[in-house]
Protein backbone atom coordinates (compact mmCIF):
# COMPACT_ATOMS: atom_id res chain seq x y z
CA MET A 1 0.12 0.07 0.31
CA THR A 2 1.29 3.54 -0.75
CA LEU A 3 0.16 6.43 0.89
CA HIS A 4 -1.13 9.23 -1.23
CA HIS A 5 -1.07 13.12 -1.12
CA LEU A 6 1.91 13.18 0.91
CA PRO A 7 3.13 16.67 0.14
CA GLU A 8 0.03 17.91 2.27
CA ILE A 9 0.92 16.11 5.44
CA ALA A 10 3.15 18.35 7.80
CA ILE A 11 6.17 16.62 8.24
CA THR A 12 6.33 17.58 11.89
CA THR A 13 3.57 14.90 11.85
CA LEU A 14 5.84 11.91 10.60
CA ILE A 15 9.26 12.58 12.55
CA PRO A 16 10.00 13.69 16.15
CA GLN A 17 12.43 16.18 15.30
CA ARG A 18 11.55 19.68 15.57
CA PRO A 19 12.90 23.07 14.11
CA PRO A 20 15.67 24.06 13.96
CA PHE A 21 16.48 20.46 13.57
CA VAL A 22 14.22 19.11 10.86
CA MET A 23 15.99 18.33 7.94
CA VAL A 24 13.00 16.70 5.63
CA ASP A 25 10.33 19.10 4.10
CA ARG A 26 8.07 16.58 2.47
CA VAL A 27 7.59 12.83 1.87
CA LEU A 28 7.20 12.60 -1.80
CA SER A 29 6.29 8.90 -2.05
CA CYS A 30 6.04 5.94 0.65
CA ASP A 31 5.42 2.23 0.91
CA ALA A 32 6.59 -0.86 2.86
CA THR A 33 9.90 -1.15 1.06
CA ASP A 34 10.35 2.71 -0.04
CA ALA A 35 10.50 6.17 0.28
CA VAL A 36 11.49 9.36 -1.39
CA THR A 37 11.77 12.89 0.60
CA ASP A 38 12.69 16.33 -0.44
CA PHE A 39 14.63 19.23 1.49
CA LEU A 40 15.37 22.69 0.34
CA ILE A 41 18.73 23.92 1.94
CA ARG A 42 17.77 27.26 3.25
CA PRO A 43 19.86 30.35 4.87
CA GLY A 44 20.35 29.65 8.59
CA ASN A 45 20.31 25.77 8.42
CA ILE A 46 22.08 24.92 11.55
CA PHE A 47 24.41 22.19 9.51
CA LEU A 48 25.47 25.19 6.82
CA ASP A 49 29.08 25.80 6.69
CA ASP A 50 30.68 27.87 3.94
CA GLY A 51 27.32 27.70 1.70
CA MET A 52 27.55 24.00 1.75
CA LEU A 53 25.55 21.21 4.02
CA SER A 54 27.87 19.44 6.07
CA PRO A 55 28.55 15.86 6.21
CA ALA A 56 26.81 15.62 9.43
CA GLY A 57 23.81 17.51 7.86
CA MET A 58 23.76 14.88 4.83
CA ILE A 59 23.69 12.35 7.29
CA GLU A 60 21.02 13.68 9.59
CA ASN A 61 18.60 14.11 6.34
CA MET A 62 19.09 10.48 5.40
CA ALA A 63 18.36 9.84 9.34
CA GLN A 64 15.16 11.86 8.99
CA SER A 65 14.14 10.38 5.46
CA CYS A 66 14.21 6.85 7.27
CA ALA A 67 12.05 8.45 10.04
CA ALA A 68 9.62 10.07 7.95
CA ARG A 69 9.10 6.47 6.05
CA MET A 70 8.49 4.99 9.37
CA GLY A 71 6.16 7.98 10.37
CA CYS A 72 4.30 7.39 7.17
CA LEU A 73 3.78 3.75 7.84
CA ASN A 74 2.55 4.36 11.49
CA LEU A 75 -0.02 6.71 9.80
CA MET A 76 -1.04 4.17 7.28
CA ASN A 77 -1.81 1.72 10.16
CA HIS A 78 -3.24 4.41 12.38
CA GLU A 79 -0.25 4.00 15.07
CA SER A 80 1.29 6.85 16.77
CA VAL A 81 4.66 8.13 15.46
CA LYS A 82 7.42 6.42 17.42
CA ILE A 83 11.11 7.50 18.27
CA GLY A 84 13.94 6.05 16.30
CA PHE A 85 17.77 6.00 16.73
CA ILE A 86 20.66 5.96 14.30
CA GLY A 87 22.24 2.39 15.17
CA ASP A 88 24.92 2.42 12.58
CA ILE A 89 25.95 3.97 9.54
CA ARG A 90 28.11 2.23 7.14
CA ASN A 91 29.55 2.68 3.96
CA PHE A 92 28.84 6.66 3.88
CA GLU A 93 30.22 8.17 0.49
CA THR A 94 29.85 11.73 -0.26
CA TYR A 95 30.83 12.72 -3.92
CA ARG A 96 30.07 16.23 -3.32
CA GLN A 97 28.30 18.55 -0.60
CA PRO A 98 25.02 20.09 -1.63
CA LEU A 99 24.84 23.82 -1.68
CA LEU A 100 22.76 26.53 -0.37
CA ASP A 101 19.49 26.71 -2.06
CA GLU A 102 19.68 23.23 -3.49
CA THR A 103 16.82 20.80 -3.23
CA LEU A 104 17.83 17.25 -1.90
CA THR A 105 15.92 14.15 -2.93
CA THR A 106 16.50 11.63 -0.87
CA HIS A 107 15.78 7.85 -1.64
CA VAL A 108 15.12 5.14 0.95
CA HIS A 109 15.36 1.66 0.11
CA ILE A 110 14.58 -1.15 3.11
CA ILE A 111 16.94 -4.05 2.89
CA GLU A 112 15.46 -5.73 5.94
CA ASP A 113 12.81 -4.74 8.66
CA VAL A 114 12.96 -7.17 11.43
CA PHE A 115 11.65 -6.42 14.80
CA HIS A 116 12.45 -2.87 15.92
CA LEU A 117 15.49 -2.76 13.59
CA THR A 118 15.46 -1.45 9.99
CA LEU A 119 18.45 -1.52 7.79
CA ALA A 120 18.29 0.76 4.53
CA ASP A 121 20.22 1.68 1.44
CA VAL A 122 19.64 5.55 1.27
CA THR A 123 21.15 7.77 -1.63
CA MET A 124 20.68 11.59 -2.12
CA CYS A 125 20.70 13.21 -4.84
CA VAL A 126 20.58 16.80 -6.41
CA GLY A 127 18.34 16.80 -9.44
CA ASP A 128 19.88 13.71 -11.53
CA GLU A 129 23.00 13.76 -9.79
CA THR A 130 23.75 11.25 -6.86
CA ILE A 131 25.63 13.15 -4.45
CA ALA A 132 26.19 10.78 -1.33
CA SER A 133 24.94 7.53 -0.35
CA ALA A 134 24.99 5.47 2.92
CA ARG A 135 23.57 1.96 4.27
CA VAL A 136 21.60 3.15 7.72
CA LYS A 137 20.61 1.00 10.66
CA ILE A 138 17.79 2.59 12.64
CA ALA A 139 16.51 1.14 16.01
CA LEU A 140 12.64 1.84 16.83
CA THR A 141 11.59 2.43 20.23
CA ASP A 142 8.50 2.27 21.81
CA MET A 143 8.40 5.75 22.95
CA GLU A 144 5.70 7.96 21.36
CA ALA A 145 7.08 11.23 19.53
CA ALA A 146 5.77 14.45 21.31
CA GLU A 147 3.23 16.23 19.70
C-alpha cells in the first residue's frame, strides 16, 4: 500500500524532530520498502558551513528520511509516530556537499525490517546527480514522539 497526498502532510506529523533540527520538508512517496523525501537547503540551516551542507547535515537528512518513512507507515496503520535512533551508518560516501538553495531528493530503500531494527540503503541526489549514499541502521523504540 502506498500513502497518497503526502506533500500535504506536515513533516512534523511524521518525524519527532522539531525546528531548527528538521532536515526533511516533504515525503514525496512511501510504501513498505521505499520512500522518497525532499529538502531545500535554506539560509540559517544549522548544518550549513560556508554555503554547503556539512556531512553531518547530510547524514541527519538520511536518518530523518528513514524516520519519515516509518512515520508514514505508522500513519497508514493508524498508529502513533515512534522515536528511532541511528544504530549504525556504514559505507557513507559523499561525492560532493550540497549547496545553499539546492533541493535534496533522498531515496530510502529497505533491505531488512526485523523487529525494531531497520536496515536501509539511502541515496541522496540533487536533480539527477547522486551526491551521497550510505547504509543506515535505525533502532525503533516504543516511545511515542511528542505532538
